[in-house]
Amino acid sequence: MRTYTTRQGDMWDYIAYLLYPAVGREMCMGALLDANEEHRETVIFSAGVTLSAPDIDIPAASSLPPWKRKMGK
């Protein structure tokens, strides 16, 4: 598991987007929230909050919707 230190104005979906770009933010917000129960009620973060970022398995390209697949794979 890695960590992420927030910047002023960060929100859950943006953090997930940064940490898990290959998977997609919608699929990862739940895992981020579960790993950081103490911040579950936070909507907009202040700077300097350290969050746990769990490892998430990236699905095979064939299970991704067409708009998330890389060309040539």
N, C-alpha and C. Protein backbone atom coordinates (compact mmCIF):
# COMPACT_ATOMS: atom_id res chain seq x y z
N MET A 1 0.86 -1.18 0.00
CA MET A 1 0.00 0.00 0.00
C MET A 1 0.89 1.23 0.00
N ARG A 2 0.52 2.19 -0.79
CA ARG A 2 1.27 3.45 -0.84
C ARG A 2 0.45 4.55 -0.17
N THR A 3 0.98 5.75 -0.13
CA THR A 3 0.27 6.86 0.47
C THR A 3 0.18 8.02 -0.52
N TYR A 4 -0.72 8.91 -0.24
CA TYR A 4 -0.89 10.13 -1.04
C TYR A 4 -1.08 11.28 -0.06
N THR A 5 -0.36 12.35 -0.27
CA THR A 5 -0.50 13.55 0.56
C THR A 5 -1.28 14.58 -0.23
N THR A 6 -2.38 15.02 0.34
CA THR A 6 -3.29 15.91 -0.37
C THR A 6 -2.73 17.30 -0.56
N ARG A 7 -3.26 17.94 -1.60
CA ARG A 7 -3.02 19.36 -1.85
C ARG A 7 -4.34 20.08 -1.59
N GLN A 8 -4.27 21.35 -1.29
CA GLN A 8 -5.47 22.14 -1.01
C GLN A 8 -6.47 21.98 -2.14
N GLY A 9 -7.70 21.60 -1.80
CA GLY A 9 -8.76 21.49 -2.78
C GLY A 9 -8.95 20.11 -3.38
N ASP A 10 -8.07 19.15 -3.07
CA ASP A 10 -8.24 17.79 -3.59
C ASP A 10 -9.58 17.22 -3.15
N MET A 11 -10.17 16.41 -4.03
CA MET A 11 -11.41 15.71 -3.74
C MET A 11 -11.20 14.23 -4.06
N TRP A 12 -12.05 13.37 -3.51
CA TRP A 12 -11.88 11.92 -3.65
C TRP A 12 -11.76 11.48 -5.10
N ASP A 13 -12.63 11.97 -5.97
CA ASP A 13 -12.59 11.50 -7.35
C ASP A 13 -11.31 11.92 -8.06
N TYR A 14 -10.81 13.10 -7.76
CA TYR A 14 -9.56 13.56 -8.38
C TYR A 14 -8.37 12.75 -7.85
N ILE A 15 -8.37 12.45 -6.58
CA ILE A 15 -7.29 11.64 -6.00
C ILE A 15 -7.28 10.25 -6.64
N ALA A 16 -8.46 9.65 -6.77
CA ALA A 16 -8.56 8.34 -7.42
C ALA A 16 -8.11 8.42 -8.87
N TYR A 17 -8.47 9.48 -9.56
CA TYR A 17 -8.05 9.67 -10.94
C TYR A 17 -6.53 9.74 -11.06
N LEU A 18 -5.90 10.44 -10.13
CA LEU A 18 -4.44 10.55 -10.14
C LEU A 18 -3.75 9.23 -9.82
N LEU A 19 -4.27 8.53 -8.83
CA LEU A 19 -3.61 7.32 -8.35
C LEU A 19 -3.88 6.09 -9.22
N TYR A 20 -5.03 6.05 -9.86
CA TYR A 20 -5.42 4.86 -10.62
C TYR A 20 -5.91 5.22 -12.03
N PRO A 21 -5.08 5.85 -12.83
CA PRO A 21 -5.55 6.30 -14.14
C PRO A 21 -5.93 5.16 -15.09
N ALA A 22 -5.31 4.01 -14.95
CA ALA A 22 -5.62 2.89 -15.86
C ALA A 22 -6.94 2.23 -15.52
N VAL A 23 -7.37 2.36 -14.27
CA VAL A 23 -8.60 1.70 -13.84
C VAL A 23 -9.80 2.62 -13.99
N GLY A 24 -9.65 3.86 -13.66
CA GLY A 24 -10.76 4.81 -13.72
C GLY A 24 -11.24 5.17 -12.34
N ARG A 25 -11.51 6.41 -12.13
CA ARG A 25 -11.83 6.90 -10.79
C ARG A 25 -13.08 6.30 -10.19
N GLU A 26 -14.09 6.00 -11.01
CA GLU A 26 -15.34 5.49 -10.47
C GLU A 26 -15.14 4.17 -9.74
N MET A 27 -14.24 3.36 -10.25
CA MET A 27 -14.03 2.03 -9.69
C MET A 27 -13.17 2.05 -8.43
N CYS A 28 -12.49 3.14 -8.17
CA CYS A 28 -11.51 3.16 -7.08
C CYS A 28 -11.90 4.01 -5.88
N MET A 29 -12.88 4.85 -6.01
CA MET A 29 -13.24 5.71 -4.89
C MET A 29 -13.65 4.91 -3.67
N GLY A 30 -14.37 3.83 -3.86
CA GLY A 30 -14.80 3.00 -2.74
C GLY A 30 -13.63 2.42 -1.99
N ALA A 31 -12.63 1.94 -2.71
CA ALA A 31 -11.44 1.38 -2.08
C ALA A 31 -10.68 2.46 -1.31
N LEU A 32 -10.59 3.64 -1.87
CA LEU A 32 -9.92 4.75 -1.17
C LEU A 32 -10.67 5.12 0.11
N LEU A 33 -11.99 5.22 0.01
CA LEU A 33 -12.79 5.55 1.18
C LEU A 33 -12.67 4.48 2.27
N ASP A 34 -12.70 3.21 1.87
CA ASP A 34 -12.58 2.11 2.83
C ASP A 34 -11.22 2.12 3.52
N ALA A 35 -10.18 2.51 2.82
CA ALA A 35 -8.84 2.53 3.38
C ALA A 35 -8.59 3.76 4.26
N ASN A 36 -9.49 4.72 4.21
CA ASN A 36 -9.32 5.98 4.95
C ASN A 36 -10.60 6.37 5.68
N GLU A 37 -11.11 5.46 6.49
CA GLU A 37 -12.38 5.66 7.20
C GLU A 37 -12.42 6.98 7.98
N GLU A 38 -11.31 7.37 8.56
CA GLU A 38 -11.30 8.58 9.39
C GLU A 38 -11.54 9.86 8.59
N HIS A 39 -11.42 9.78 7.27
CA HIS A 39 -11.64 10.95 6.41
C HIS A 39 -12.87 10.80 5.53
N ARG A 40 -13.69 9.80 5.81
CA ARG A 40 -14.85 9.47 4.96
C ARG A 40 -15.79 10.66 4.77
N GLU A 41 -15.94 11.50 5.75
CA GLU A 41 -16.86 12.63 5.67
C GLU A 41 -16.24 13.86 5.00
N THR A 42 -14.97 13.81 4.68
CA THR A 42 -14.30 14.94 4.04
C THR A 42 -14.70 15.00 2.57
N VAL A 43 -15.07 16.17 2.11
CA VAL A 43 -15.43 16.36 0.71
C VAL A 43 -14.29 17.04 -0.02
N ILE A 44 -13.80 18.14 0.54
CA ILE A 44 -12.67 18.87 -0.03
C ILE A 44 -11.56 18.88 1.00
N PHE A 45 -10.39 18.38 0.61
CA PHE A 45 -9.28 18.24 1.53
C PHE A 45 -8.46 19.52 1.64
N SER A 46 -7.89 19.73 2.82
CA SER A 46 -6.88 20.75 2.98
C SER A 46 -5.54 20.12 2.63
N ALA A 47 -4.52 20.92 2.53
CA ALA A 47 -3.20 20.42 2.16
C ALA A 47 -2.58 19.63 3.32
N GLY A 48 -1.83 18.60 2.98
CA GLY A 48 -1.04 17.89 3.97
C GLY A 48 -1.67 16.69 4.64
N VAL A 49 -2.84 16.25 4.18
CA VAL A 49 -3.49 15.07 4.77
C VAL A 49 -2.91 13.84 4.07
N THR A 50 -2.40 12.89 4.85
CA THR A 50 -1.83 11.67 4.28
C THR A 50 -2.90 10.58 4.24
N LEU A 51 -3.16 10.08 3.04
CA LEU A 51 -4.16 9.04 2.82
C LEU A 51 -3.48 7.75 2.42
N SER A 52 -4.07 6.64 2.80
CA SER A 52 -3.61 5.33 2.36
C SER A 52 -4.20 5.07 0.98
N ALA A 53 -3.38 4.55 0.07
CA ALA A 53 -3.81 4.23 -1.28
C ALA A 53 -3.61 2.75 -1.52
N PRO A 54 -4.67 1.95 -1.38
CA PRO A 54 -4.52 0.50 -1.51
C PRO A 54 -4.16 0.09 -2.94
N ASP A 55 -3.48 -1.04 -3.05
CA ASP A 55 -3.18 -1.60 -4.37
C ASP A 55 -4.47 -2.16 -4.94
N ILE A 56 -4.73 -1.85 -6.19
CA ILE A 56 -5.95 -2.31 -6.86
C ILE A 56 -5.54 -3.04 -8.12
N ASP A 57 -6.10 -4.22 -8.31
CA ASP A 57 -5.83 -4.98 -9.51
C ASP A 57 -6.45 -4.28 -10.71
N ILE A 58 -5.66 -4.15 -11.76
CA ILE A 58 -6.14 -3.53 -12.99
C ILE A 58 -6.79 -4.62 -13.83
N PRO A 59 -8.04 -4.44 -14.23
CA PRO A 59 -8.71 -5.48 -15.02
C PRO A 59 -8.06 -5.66 -16.39
N ALA A 60 -8.21 -6.84 -16.95
CA ALA A 60 -7.70 -7.10 -18.28
C ALA A 60 -8.37 -6.16 -19.27
N ALA A 61 -7.65 -5.80 -20.32
CA ALA A 61 -8.17 -4.84 -21.30
C ALA A 61 -9.50 -5.30 -21.88
N SER A 62 -9.71 -6.59 -22.03
CA SER A 62 -10.95 -7.06 -22.64
C SER A 62 -12.16 -6.80 -21.74
N SER A 63 -11.96 -6.62 -20.45
CA SER A 63 -13.08 -6.37 -19.56
C SER A 63 -13.40 -4.89 -19.42
N LEU A 64 -12.55 -4.05 -19.98
CA LEU A 64 -12.80 -2.61 -19.93
C LEU A 64 -13.76 -2.21 -21.04
N PRO A 65 -14.55 -1.17 -20.81
CA PRO A 65 -15.40 -0.68 -21.89
C PRO A 65 -14.53 -0.14 -23.02
N PRO A 66 -15.03 -0.10 -24.24
CA PRO A 66 -14.22 0.30 -25.40
C PRO A 66 -13.51 1.64 -25.25
N TRP A 67 -14.12 2.62 -24.60
CA TRP A 67 -13.50 3.93 -24.48
C TRP A 67 -12.33 3.95 -23.48
N LYS A 68 -12.17 2.90 -22.66
CA LYS A 68 -11.07 2.83 -21.71
C LYS A 68 -9.91 1.96 -22.23
N ARG A 69 -10.11 1.26 -23.33
CA ARG A 69 -9.06 0.39 -23.87
C ARG A 69 -8.05 1.20 -24.66
N LYS A 70 -6.80 0.79 -24.59
CA LYS A 70 -5.77 1.41 -25.39
C LYS A 70 -5.79 0.80 -26.78
N MET A 71 -5.55 1.62 -27.75
CA MET A 71 -5.56 1.13 -29.13
C MET A 71 -4.42 0.13 -29.33
N GLY A 72 -4.70 -0.91 -30.09
CA GLY A 72 -3.67 -1.90 -30.41
C GLY A 72 -3.54 -3.00 -29.40
N LYS A 73 -4.38 -3.02 -28.37
CA LYS A 73 -4.30 -4.08 -27.35
C LYS A 73 -5.57 -4.86 -27.30
